[in-house]
N, C-alpha and C. Protein backbone atom coordinates (compact mmCIF):
# COMPACT_ATOMS: atom_id res chain seq x y z
N MET A 1 26.27 20.78 31.12
CA MET A 1 25.58 19.99 30.76
C MET A 1 26.79 18.70 30.85
N LYS A 2 26.22 17.41 31.51
CA LYS A 2 27.14 16.67 31.36
C LYS A 2 26.38 14.93 30.39
N ILE A 3 27.16 13.96 30.25
CA ILE A 3 26.76 13.04 29.02
C ILE A 3 27.23 11.71 30.57
N ILE A 4 26.21 11.12 30.54
CA ILE A 4 26.06 9.68 31.32
C ILE A 4 25.73 8.56 30.39
N ALA A 5 26.44 7.57 30.46
CA ALA A 5 26.84 7.07 29.70
C ALA A 5 26.58 5.21 30.77
N ILE A 6 25.85 4.32 29.93
CA ILE A 6 26.05 3.41 30.34
C ILE A 6 26.61 1.85 29.75
N GLY A 7 27.58 1.17 30.48
CA GLY A 7 27.98 -0.06 29.81
C GLY A 7 27.70 -1.21 30.04
N ARG A 8 28.01 -2.16 29.44
CA ARG A 8 27.51 -3.51 29.20
C ARG A 8 25.94 -3.55 29.52
N ASN A 9 25.06 -3.05 28.41
CA ASN A 9 23.73 -2.97 28.58
C ASN A 9 23.26 -4.03 27.73
N TYR A 10 24.14 -5.04 26.84
CA TYR A 10 23.74 -5.79 25.78
C TYR A 10 24.17 -7.15 25.76
N ALA A 11 23.51 -8.16 26.21
CA ALA A 11 24.24 -9.22 26.58
C ALA A 11 25.46 -10.02 25.15
N GLU A 12 24.96 -9.64 24.26
CA GLU A 12 25.85 -10.47 23.02
C GLU A 12 27.22 -9.18 23.16
N HIS A 13 27.30 -8.32 23.69
CA HIS A 13 28.34 -7.18 23.81
C HIS A 13 29.19 -7.68 24.97
N ILE A 14 28.53 -7.87 25.83
CA ILE A 14 28.96 -8.02 27.26
C ILE A 14 30.02 -9.54 26.99
N GLU A 15 28.95 -10.55 26.21
CA GLU A 15 30.34 -11.75 25.63
C GLU A 15 31.38 -11.63 24.68
N GLU A 16 31.48 -10.28 24.10
CA GLU A 16 32.30 -10.64 22.90
C GLU A 16 33.10 -9.78 23.85
N LEU A 17 32.98 -9.01 24.66
CA LEU A 17 34.25 -8.19 25.72
C LEU A 17 34.70 -9.07 26.90
N LYS A 18 33.95 -10.42 26.84
CA LYS A 18 34.59 -11.39 27.69
C LYS A 18 34.38 -10.23 29.29
N ASN A 19 33.28 -9.58 29.45
CA ASN A 19 33.10 -8.84 30.61
C ASN A 19 31.77 -9.46 31.35
N GLU A 20 31.97 -9.10 32.73
CA GLU A 20 30.68 -10.01 33.34
C GLU A 20 29.78 -9.43 33.51
N ARG A 21 28.33 -10.05 33.50
CA ARG A 21 26.97 -9.57 33.54
C ARG A 21 27.13 -9.05 34.55
N PRO A 22 26.36 -7.35 34.33
CA PRO A 22 26.16 -6.94 35.92
C PRO A 22 24.33 -6.94 36.20
N SER A 23 24.77 -6.85 37.78
CA SER A 23 23.44 -6.77 38.46
C SER A 23 22.78 -5.63 38.15
N ALA A 24 23.18 -4.81 38.11
CA ALA A 24 22.88 -2.96 38.07
C ALA A 24 23.64 -2.29 37.01
N PRO A 25 22.96 -1.22 36.39
CA PRO A 25 23.89 -0.25 34.99
C PRO A 25 24.85 -0.16 35.35
N VAL A 26 26.13 -0.22 34.33
CA VAL A 26 27.73 0.25 35.02
C VAL A 26 27.22 1.54 34.45
N VAL A 27 27.74 2.57 34.68
CA VAL A 27 27.67 4.11 34.95
C VAL A 27 28.91 4.48 34.98
N PHE A 28 29.26 5.45 33.53
CA PHE A 28 30.38 6.56 34.08
C PHE A 28 30.57 7.50 33.04
N LEU A 29 31.02 8.67 33.30
CA LEU A 29 31.01 9.93 32.38
C LEU A 29 31.62 10.58 31.59
N LYS A 30 31.12 11.32 31.07
CA LYS A 30 32.02 11.88 29.29
C LYS A 30 32.06 13.51 29.93
N PRO A 31 32.76 14.15 29.91
CA PRO A 31 32.38 15.79 29.72
C PRO A 31 32.20 16.80 28.57
N ASP A 32 31.54 17.47 28.97
CA ASP A 32 31.38 18.34 27.70
C ASP A 32 32.02 18.41 26.57
N THR A 33 33.39 18.44 26.77
CA THR A 33 34.53 18.53 25.91
C THR A 33 34.35 17.29 25.03
N ALA A 34 33.65 16.05 25.36
CA ALA A 34 33.51 14.89 24.93
C ALA A 34 32.65 14.72 23.63
N LEU A 35 31.77 15.85 23.75
CA LEU A 35 30.72 15.90 22.56
C LEU A 35 31.81 16.35 21.52
N LEU A 36 30.73 15.99 20.06
CA LEU A 36 31.47 16.16 18.89
C LEU A 36 29.84 16.86 18.38
N LYS A 37 29.36 17.64 17.41
CA LYS A 37 28.17 17.14 16.86
C LYS A 37 28.38 17.95 15.60
N ASN A 38 27.10 17.76 14.63
CA ASN A 38 26.83 18.52 13.14
C ASN A 38 27.82 17.87 12.45
N ASN A 39 27.65 16.28 12.80
CA ASN A 39 28.46 15.52 11.92
C ASN A 39 30.20 15.89 11.50
N ALA A 40 30.64 16.68 12.72
CA ALA A 40 31.83 16.75 12.67
C ALA A 40 32.82 15.60 12.18
N ALA A 41 33.79 15.88 11.91
CA ALA A 41 35.01 14.43 11.64
C ALA A 41 35.36 14.26 12.78
N PHE A 42 35.58 12.92 13.08
CA PHE A 42 36.55 12.67 14.36
C PHE A 42 38.11 12.54 14.25
N TYR A 43 38.83 12.76 14.85
CA TYR A 43 40.13 13.04 14.83
C TYR A 43 40.67 12.22 15.48
N HIS A 44 41.52 10.85 14.59
CA HIS A 44 41.81 9.86 15.76
C HIS A 44 43.23 10.44 16.58
N PRO A 45 42.63 9.85 18.05
CA PRO A 45 43.87 10.86 18.55
C PRO A 45 45.35 9.51 18.41
N ASP A 46 46.12 10.54 19.02
CA ASP A 46 47.48 9.64 18.44
C ASP A 46 48.03 8.85 19.95
N PHE A 47 47.34 8.97 20.84
CA PHE A 47 47.55 8.16 21.87
C PHE A 47 46.99 6.98 22.35
N SER A 48 46.45 6.09 21.19
CA SER A 48 45.53 5.19 20.93
C SER A 48 45.83 4.85 19.39
N GLN A 49 45.99 3.18 19.59
CA GLN A 49 45.84 2.34 18.49
C GLN A 49 45.01 1.73 18.30
N ASN A 50 43.70 1.59 19.11
CA ASN A 50 42.56 0.65 18.90
C ASN A 50 41.73 1.94 18.90
N ILE A 51 41.05 2.33 18.68
CA ILE A 51 39.46 3.31 18.99
C ILE A 51 38.82 2.68 18.22
N HIS A 52 37.62 2.35 19.38
CA HIS A 52 36.81 1.18 18.68
C HIS A 52 35.06 2.18 18.81
N HIS A 53 34.25 1.90 17.52
CA HIS A 53 32.77 2.90 17.48
C HIS A 53 32.34 1.36 18.53
N GLU A 54 31.22 2.18 19.27
CA GLU A 54 30.23 1.74 19.73
C GLU A 54 28.62 2.90 19.83
N VAL A 55 27.78 2.08 18.99
CA VAL A 55 26.72 2.92 18.49
C VAL A 55 25.82 2.75 19.73
N GLU A 56 25.11 3.85 20.20
CA GLU A 56 24.00 4.01 21.30
C GLU A 56 23.07 5.14 20.70
N LEU A 57 21.92 4.46 21.61
CA LEU A 57 21.02 5.07 21.56
C LEU A 57 20.94 6.10 22.36
N VAL A 58 20.65 7.73 22.16
CA VAL A 58 20.72 8.93 23.19
C VAL A 58 19.43 9.51 23.70
N LEU A 59 19.41 9.30 25.23
CA LEU A 59 18.00 9.98 25.61
C LEU A 59 18.41 11.79 25.99
N LYS A 60 17.82 12.53 25.58
CA LYS A 60 17.68 14.15 26.07
C LYS A 60 17.59 14.36 27.22
N VAL A 61 17.77 14.56 28.20
CA VAL A 61 17.19 15.28 29.55
C VAL A 61 16.45 16.38 29.00
N SER A 62 14.85 16.74 29.78
CA SER A 62 14.00 17.57 29.22
C SER A 62 13.92 18.76 30.25
N LYS A 63 14.07 17.67 31.78
CA LYS A 63 14.01 18.66 32.80
C LYS A 63 14.72 18.14 34.02
N GLU A 64 14.73 19.12 35.15
CA GLU A 64 15.60 18.41 36.22
C GLU A 64 15.10 17.44 37.24
N GLY A 65 15.89 16.38 37.70
CA GLY A 65 15.34 15.53 38.38
C GLY A 65 16.24 14.69 39.42
N LYS A 66 15.69 14.45 40.62
CA LYS A 66 16.48 13.61 40.71
C LYS A 66 16.12 12.40 41.87
N ASN A 67 16.53 10.99 42.31
CA ASN A 67 15.52 10.25 42.96
C ASN A 67 14.36 9.88 41.93
N ILE A 68 14.25 9.79 40.76
CA ILE A 68 13.21 9.67 39.81
C ILE A 68 12.69 7.99 39.75
N GLN A 69 11.13 7.73 40.35
CA GLN A 69 10.87 6.61 40.35
C GLN A 69 10.82 6.08 38.99
N ARG A 70 11.07 5.07 38.73
CA ARG A 70 10.94 4.38 37.09
C ARG A 70 9.29 4.49 36.54
N GLN A 71 8.24 4.69 36.76
CA GLN A 71 7.19 4.99 35.98
C GLN A 71 7.28 6.14 35.86
N PHE A 72 7.73 7.71 36.26
CA PHE A 72 7.90 8.47 35.81
C PHE A 72 8.45 9.05 35.19
N ALA A 73 10.16 7.86 34.56
CA ALA A 73 11.30 8.11 34.09
C ALA A 73 10.81 9.13 32.33
N HIS A 74 9.62 8.75 31.91
CA HIS A 74 9.52 9.07 30.86
C HIS A 74 8.91 10.36 30.78
N ARG A 75 8.93 11.19 31.79
CA ARG A 75 8.44 12.60 31.69
C ARG A 75 9.92 13.57 32.01
N TYR A 76 11.28 12.83 31.62
CA TYR A 76 12.13 13.48 32.15
C TYR A 76 12.96 13.71 30.63
N PHE A 77 12.82 12.89 29.91
CA PHE A 77 13.10 12.93 28.55
C PHE A 77 12.47 13.38 27.54
N ASP A 78 12.50 14.04 26.56
CA ASP A 78 11.68 14.33 25.51
C ASP A 78 12.34 13.78 23.91
N GLU A 79 13.38 13.50 23.82
CA GLU A 79 13.87 13.24 22.47
C GLU A 79 15.17 12.13 22.80
N ILE A 80 14.85 11.36 21.41
CA ILE A 80 16.05 10.31 21.32
C ILE A 80 16.95 10.10 20.21
N GLY A 81 18.00 10.36 20.44
CA GLY A 81 19.11 10.11 19.04
C GLY A 81 19.70 9.11 19.10
N ILE A 82 20.84 9.54 18.28
CA ILE A 82 21.94 8.11 18.22
C ILE A 82 23.40 9.07 18.39
N GLY A 83 24.25 8.24 19.08
CA GLY A 83 25.12 8.62 19.38
C GLY A 83 26.73 7.57 19.15
N ILE A 84 27.94 7.86 18.95
CA ILE A 84 28.99 7.03 18.83
C ILE A 84 29.67 7.37 20.26
N ASP A 85 29.92 6.08 21.25
CA ASP A 85 30.76 6.01 22.31
C ASP A 85 32.39 5.30 21.79
N PHE A 86 33.26 6.63 21.70
CA PHE A 86 34.28 6.15 20.69
C PHE A 86 35.04 5.90 22.18
N THR A 87 35.81 4.60 22.10
CA THR A 87 36.16 3.76 23.24
C THR A 87 37.86 3.85 23.24
N ALA A 88 39.11 4.06 23.49
CA ALA A 88 40.70 3.67 23.72
C ALA A 88 40.37 2.26 24.14
N ARG A 89 40.48 1.35 23.40
CA ARG A 89 40.77 0.03 23.83
C ARG A 89 41.82 -0.29 24.95
N ASP A 90 42.59 0.01 23.70
CA ASP A 90 44.17 -0.48 24.51
C ASP A 90 44.38 0.09 25.93
N LEU A 91 44.06 1.60 25.65
CA LEU A 91 44.32 2.40 27.04
C LEU A 91 42.94 2.04 27.92
N GLN A 92 41.96 1.13 27.83
CA GLN A 92 41.34 0.72 28.68
C GLN A 92 41.68 -0.86 29.46
N ASP A 93 42.09 -1.37 28.60
CA ASP A 93 42.33 -2.74 28.81
C ASP A 93 43.64 -2.56 29.67
N THR A 94 44.77 -1.67 29.35
CA THR A 94 45.72 -1.24 30.41
C THR A 94 45.21 -0.56 32.04
N CYS A 95 44.08 0.15 32.05
CA CYS A 95 43.54 1.01 33.25
C CYS A 95 43.04 -0.35 33.84
N LYS A 96 41.93 -1.31 33.21
CA LYS A 96 41.21 -2.14 33.84
C LYS A 96 42.32 -3.27 34.47
N ALA A 97 43.19 -3.74 33.64
CA ALA A 97 44.20 -4.62 34.39
C ALA A 97 45.11 -4.15 35.56
N LYS A 98 45.26 -2.71 35.91
CA LYS A 98 45.89 -2.24 37.43
C LYS A 98 44.95 -1.85 38.28
N GLY A 99 43.50 -2.09 37.48
CA GLY A 99 42.82 -1.57 38.68
C GLY A 99 41.94 -0.65 38.79
N LEU A 100 42.37 0.29 37.97
CA LEU A 100 42.34 1.78 37.62
C LEU A 100 41.29 2.23 37.16
N PRO A 101 40.57 3.76 37.39
CA PRO A 101 39.29 3.86 36.32
C PRO A 101 39.73 4.28 35.24
N TRP A 102 38.93 4.07 34.18
CA TRP A 102 39.35 4.16 32.71
C TRP A 102 38.53 5.05 31.92
N GLU A 103 38.51 6.48 32.68
CA GLU A 103 38.01 7.52 32.20
C GLU A 103 39.07 8.39 30.79
N ILE A 104 40.61 8.11 31.02
CA ILE A 104 40.97 8.37 29.54
C ILE A 104 40.64 7.83 28.20
N ALA A 105 40.18 6.40 28.78
CA ALA A 105 39.61 5.93 27.73
C ALA A 105 38.21 5.95 26.76
N LYS A 106 37.59 6.59 27.77
CA LYS A 106 36.08 6.93 27.23
C LYS A 106 35.70 8.38 27.02
N ALA A 107 36.58 9.11 27.89
CA ALA A 107 36.39 10.87 28.29
C ALA A 107 36.83 11.74 27.11
N PHE A 108 37.64 11.27 26.06
CA PHE A 108 38.82 11.89 25.72
C PHE A 108 37.92 13.02 25.11
N ASN A 109 38.80 13.76 24.14
CA ASN A 109 38.14 15.34 23.23
C ASN A 109 37.59 14.46 22.27
N GLY A 110 35.77 14.29 22.07
CA GLY A 110 35.59 14.40 20.57
C GLY A 110 35.10 12.82 20.81
N SER A 111 35.06 12.10 21.85
CA SER A 111 34.83 10.35 21.73
C SER A 111 33.22 10.68 22.09
N ALA A 112 31.62 11.83 22.02
CA ALA A 112 30.83 11.40 22.02
C ALA A 112 30.46 12.37 20.81
N PRO A 113 30.52 12.02 19.64
CA PRO A 113 29.61 11.99 18.50
C PRO A 113 28.16 12.02 18.67
N VAL A 114 27.48 12.99 18.70
CA VAL A 114 25.90 12.66 18.53
C VAL A 114 25.22 12.98 17.19
N GLY A 115 24.41 12.23 17.14
CA GLY A 115 23.70 13.25 15.28
C GLY A 115 22.23 13.73 16.09
N GLU A 116 20.80 13.78 15.06
CA GLU A 116 20.27 14.61 15.16
C GLU A 116 18.94 13.61 16.19
N PHE A 117 18.25 14.18 17.20
CA PHE A 117 17.42 13.93 17.92
C PHE A 117 15.69 13.84 17.44
N LEU A 118 15.09 13.18 17.54
CA LEU A 118 13.65 12.92 17.39
C LEU A 118 12.63 12.41 18.57
N PRO A 119 11.75 14.05 18.38
CA PRO A 119 10.58 13.96 19.37
C PRO A 119 10.17 12.24 19.99
N LEU A 120 9.78 12.10 21.03
CA LEU A 120 9.29 10.78 21.19
C LEU A 120 8.06 10.53 20.36
N SER A 121 7.58 11.61 19.98
CA SER A 121 6.30 11.23 19.45
C SER A 121 6.18 10.29 18.16
N ARG A 122 7.26 10.10 18.13
CA ARG A 122 7.80 9.47 16.56
C ARG A 122 8.06 7.99 16.79
N PHE A 123 7.96 7.24 18.11
CA PHE A 123 8.08 6.19 18.66
C PHE A 123 6.94 5.61 19.36
N ALA A 124 6.34 4.43 18.66
CA ALA A 124 5.08 4.17 19.39
C ALA A 124 5.56 3.53 20.77
N LYS A 125 6.87 2.52 20.76
CA LYS A 125 7.19 2.31 21.96
C LYS A 125 8.45 2.39 22.00
N PHE A 126 8.99 2.56 23.00
CA PHE A 126 10.42 2.35 23.84
C PHE A 126 10.85 0.94 23.86
N ASP A 127 10.06 -0.05 23.98
CA ASP A 127 10.83 -1.30 23.87
C ASP A 127 11.23 -2.39 22.37
N ASP A 128 11.30 -1.31 21.41
CA ASP A 128 10.66 -1.87 19.77
C ASP A 128 11.83 -0.60 19.19
N ILE A 129 13.08 -0.04 19.33
CA ILE A 129 13.30 1.01 18.86
C ILE A 129 14.58 0.06 17.95
N ASN A 130 14.83 0.42 16.87
CA ASN A 130 15.58 -0.54 15.96
C ASN A 130 17.02 0.44 15.70
N PHE A 131 17.92 0.13 15.57
CA PHE A 131 19.45 1.29 14.81
C PHE A 131 20.22 0.43 14.83
N HIS A 132 21.32 1.16 14.33
CA HIS A 132 22.05 0.53 13.28
C HIS A 132 23.44 1.41 12.64
N LEU A 133 24.51 0.70 12.83
CA LEU A 133 25.93 1.28 12.62
C LEU A 133 26.01 1.20 10.97
N LYS A 134 26.31 2.04 10.19
CA LYS A 134 27.26 1.64 9.07
C LYS A 134 28.54 2.05 9.01
N ILE A 135 29.66 1.36 8.37
CA ILE A 135 31.19 1.73 8.24
C ILE A 135 31.16 1.19 6.85
N ASN A 136 31.76 2.52 5.95
CA ASN A 136 31.84 2.64 4.57
C ASN A 136 30.69 1.82 3.79
N GLY A 137 29.52 1.99 4.18
CA GLY A 137 28.30 1.28 3.36
C GLY A 137 28.20 -0.29 4.07
N GLN A 138 28.88 -0.29 5.25
CA GLN A 138 28.48 -1.88 5.54
C GLN A 138 27.85 -1.64 7.02
N VAL A 139 27.13 -2.65 7.26
CA VAL A 139 26.28 -2.22 8.81
C VAL A 139 26.99 -3.20 9.44
N ARG A 140 27.55 -2.99 10.51
CA ARG A 140 28.59 -3.14 11.55
C ARG A 140 28.11 -3.56 12.63
N GLN A 141 26.87 -2.75 13.38
CA GLN A 141 26.22 -2.96 14.24
C GLN A 141 24.79 -2.65 14.31
N LYS A 142 24.25 -3.47 14.86
CA LYS A 142 22.67 -4.04 14.77
C LYS A 142 21.52 -3.64 16.56
N GLY A 143 21.20 -2.94 16.42
CA GLY A 143 20.38 -3.27 18.04
C GLY A 143 18.66 -3.03 18.00
N ASN A 144 18.42 -3.45 18.79
CA ASN A 144 16.77 -3.50 19.10
C ASN A 144 16.54 -3.23 20.96
N THR A 145 16.31 -2.30 21.19
CA THR A 145 15.86 -1.46 22.69
C THR A 145 15.16 -3.09 23.09
N ALA A 146 14.32 -4.13 23.08
CA ALA A 146 14.33 -4.90 23.46
C ALA A 146 15.34 -5.85 24.10
N MET A 147 16.62 -5.54 23.39
CA MET A 147 17.51 -6.59 23.84
C MET A 147 18.31 -6.16 24.84
N MET A 148 17.70 -4.87 25.43
CA MET A 148 18.54 -4.49 26.61
C MET A 148 18.88 -4.83 27.87
N LEU A 149 19.65 -5.36 28.46
CA LEU A 149 19.26 -5.20 30.23
C LEU A 149 18.44 -4.14 30.94
N PHE A 150 18.55 -3.07 30.75
CA PHE A 150 18.39 -2.67 31.65
C PHE A 150 17.37 -1.35 30.48
N ASP A 151 16.04 -1.19 30.88
CA ASP A 151 15.53 -0.50 29.86
C ASP A 151 15.79 1.06 30.38
N PHE A 152 14.84 2.36 29.32
CA PHE A 152 15.14 3.65 29.31
C PHE A 152 14.97 3.42 31.18
N GLY A 153 13.33 3.55 31.69
CA GLY A 153 13.30 3.93 32.66
C GLY A 153 14.26 3.18 33.81
N THR A 154 14.42 1.96 33.88
CA THR A 154 15.17 1.63 34.96
C THR A 154 17.05 2.33 34.85
N ILE A 155 17.18 2.63 33.60
CA ILE A 155 18.31 3.39 33.48
C ILE A 155 18.23 4.97 34.32
N ILE A 156 16.91 5.81 34.02
CA ILE A 156 16.95 6.61 34.69
C ILE A 156 16.43 6.68 36.19
N GLU A 157 15.84 5.90 36.64
CA GLU A 157 15.99 5.78 37.69
C GLU A 157 16.79 5.31 38.79
N TYR A 158 17.97 4.54 38.00
CA TYR A 158 19.59 4.23 38.48
C TYR A 158 20.19 5.61 38.87
N VAL A 159 20.69 5.85 37.54
CA VAL A 159 21.24 7.20 37.52
C VAL A 159 21.08 8.12 38.39
N SER A 160 19.53 8.24 38.88
CA SER A 160 19.18 9.84 39.26
C SER A 160 19.34 9.90 40.64
N LYS A 161 19.53 8.56 41.35
CA LYS A 161 20.15 8.29 42.71
C LYS A 161 21.41 8.75 43.04
N PHE A 162 22.24 8.97 41.82
CA PHE A 162 23.66 9.32 42.38
C PHE A 162 23.76 10.85 41.65
N PHE A 163 23.27 11.07 40.47
CA PHE A 163 23.50 12.02 39.68
C PHE A 163 22.31 12.95 39.47
N THR A 164 22.09 14.12 39.87
CA THR A 164 20.79 15.38 39.56
C THR A 164 20.69 15.19 38.19
N LEU A 165 19.73 14.82 37.28
CA LEU A 165 19.63 14.81 35.91
C LEU A 165 19.22 17.11 35.77
N LYS A 166 20.11 17.09 34.53
CA LYS A 166 19.86 18.75 34.30
C LYS A 166 19.23 18.63 33.00
N LYS A 167 18.46 19.75 32.24
CA LYS A 167 18.06 20.25 31.40
C LYS A 167 19.07 20.06 29.85
N GLY A 168 19.34 19.36 29.41
CA GLY A 168 20.04 19.26 28.08
C GLY A 168 21.42 17.83 28.38
N ASP A 169 21.74 17.54 29.50
CA ASP A 169 21.88 16.32 29.67
C ASP A 169 21.50 15.05 28.50
N LEU A 170 22.75 14.36 28.35
CA LEU A 170 22.93 13.45 27.30
C LEU A 170 22.78 11.84 28.12
N ILE A 171 22.12 10.81 27.96
CA ILE A 171 22.14 9.70 28.52
C ILE A 171 22.52 8.81 27.27
N PHE A 172 23.66 8.05 27.29
CA PHE A 172 23.97 7.36 26.65
C PHE A 172 23.34 5.57 27.00
N THR A 173 22.82 4.70 26.33
CA THR A 173 22.02 3.46 27.03
C THR A 173 22.38 2.32 26.65
N GLY A 174 23.83 2.46 25.77
CA GLY A 174 24.51 1.20 25.51
C GLY A 174 24.73 0.66 24.08
N THR A 175 25.83 -0.20 24.02
CA THR A 175 26.01 -0.63 22.87
C THR A 175 25.75 -1.95 22.87
N PRO A 176 24.87 -2.83 21.38
CA PRO A 176 24.73 -4.22 20.89
C PRO A 176 26.39 -4.57 20.45
N ALA A 177 26.22 -5.65 19.93
CA ALA A 177 27.32 -6.50 19.90
C ALA A 177 28.17 -5.93 18.37
N GLY A 178 29.64 -6.15 18.22
CA GLY A 178 29.95 -5.72 16.78
C GLY A 178 31.27 -4.81 16.72
N VAL A 179 31.28 -4.42 18.10
CA VAL A 179 32.61 -3.49 17.97
C VAL A 179 33.64 -3.82 17.53
N SER A 180 34.50 -2.65 16.97
CA SER A 180 35.30 -3.06 15.86
C SER A 180 36.25 -1.90 16.06
N LYS A 181 37.57 -2.05 16.14
CA LYS A 181 38.40 -0.80 14.98
C LYS A 181 38.36 0.16 14.38
N VAL A 182 38.52 1.29 14.41
CA VAL A 182 38.40 2.34 13.28
C VAL A 182 39.88 3.05 12.73
N GLN A 183 39.00 3.00 11.24
CA GLN A 183 40.11 3.34 10.40
C GLN A 183 40.33 5.17 10.22
N ILE A 184 41.58 5.56 9.89
CA ILE A 184 41.32 6.74 9.42
C ILE A 184 41.03 6.72 7.92
N GLY A 185 39.73 7.41 7.54
CA GLY A 185 39.26 7.41 6.30
C GLY A 185 37.98 6.66 6.08
N ASP A 186 38.06 6.51 7.10
CA ASP A 186 36.34 5.73 7.52
C ASP A 186 35.33 6.35 7.52
N ARG A 187 34.05 6.41 7.12
CA ARG A 187 33.01 6.97 7.11
C ARG A 187 32.09 6.19 7.56
N LEU A 188 31.59 7.12 9.33
CA LEU A 188 30.34 6.25 9.93
C LEU A 188 29.09 6.84 9.79
N GLU A 189 28.05 5.81 9.90
CA GLU A 189 26.81 6.49 9.30
C GLU A 189 25.84 5.88 10.24
N ALA A 190 24.71 6.10 11.23
CA ALA A 190 24.27 5.90 12.60
C ALA A 190 22.82 6.43 12.06
N PHE A 191 21.76 4.99 12.06
CA PHE A 191 20.51 4.89 11.68
C PHE A 191 19.86 4.86 13.12
N ILE A 192 18.57 5.32 13.36
CA ILE A 192 17.30 4.87 14.07
C ILE A 192 16.31 4.51 13.02
N GLU A 193 16.05 2.98 13.51
CA GLU A 193 14.56 2.81 11.85
C GLU A 193 15.56 2.49 10.55
N ASP A 194 14.98 3.56 9.80
CA ASP A 194 15.87 3.53 8.74
C ASP A 194 15.67 5.04 8.65
N GLU A 195 16.07 6.09 9.45
CA GLU A 195 16.19 7.01 9.49
C GLU A 195 17.83 8.18 9.70
N LYS A 196 18.90 8.02 9.43
CA LYS A 196 19.80 8.25 9.07
C LYS A 196 20.37 9.91 9.60
N LEU A 197 20.63 9.44 11.18
CA LEU A 197 20.54 11.03 11.61
C LEU A 197 22.33 11.41 12.02
N LEU A 198 23.18 10.47 11.89
CA LEU A 198 24.41 10.82 11.87
C LEU A 198 25.21 9.81 10.68
N ASP A 199 25.94 11.08 10.47
CA ASP A 199 27.02 10.70 9.00
C ASP A 199 28.59 11.72 9.46
N PHE A 200 29.62 10.96 9.50
CA PHE A 200 30.80 11.48 10.05
C PHE A 200 31.91 10.77 9.45
N GLU A 201 33.14 11.30 9.41
CA GLU A 201 34.77 10.74 9.03
C GLU A 201 35.34 10.57 10.14
N VAL A 202 36.26 9.74 9.93
CA VAL A 202 37.11 9.69 10.86
C VAL A 202 38.63 10.32 10.34
N LYS A 203 39.19 11.06 10.78
CA LYS A 203 40.65 11.97 9.91
C LYS A 203 41.66 11.66 10.71
């Protein structure tokens, strides 16, 4: 399986990082070794002093497809979950300043904790899903899919032009504002609506 991730998909997050607003989805990949499941602890790597949390809704691809039209995109995922796109911001800034790719800042081991998934039947509509992240009991990020620049259908249509989607692939759909540094000892809890689906510690 592969992890496809979308950057710069919430306007306020773009502003907080002083990035340019994109005209098309910003896409990057994480390998399967980035995946962290079953509420396993995240071990803070020693190569970064500034690991940021980015909470995101995650789509689980249910069948193979490419060049998918937007109106048929809902046929290609069957569950929605929540995850964290951990980012080594110091490494990313260094790479970006040199005009280099920044996979080492996004795709390192354990950089994609993913919680439980919910079936699509749990969602009345895709453009009004609330989600949030708590750190040490305090809400740090809040989002709603109505705030996305590119909705689920647009994301699937776009990425499937370049990558064949396969069953079991995961699509991280972007993070709202509020990203910040995590510390060893932090406890992260992620929710869709009021249901906690991810709960782990930084060690």
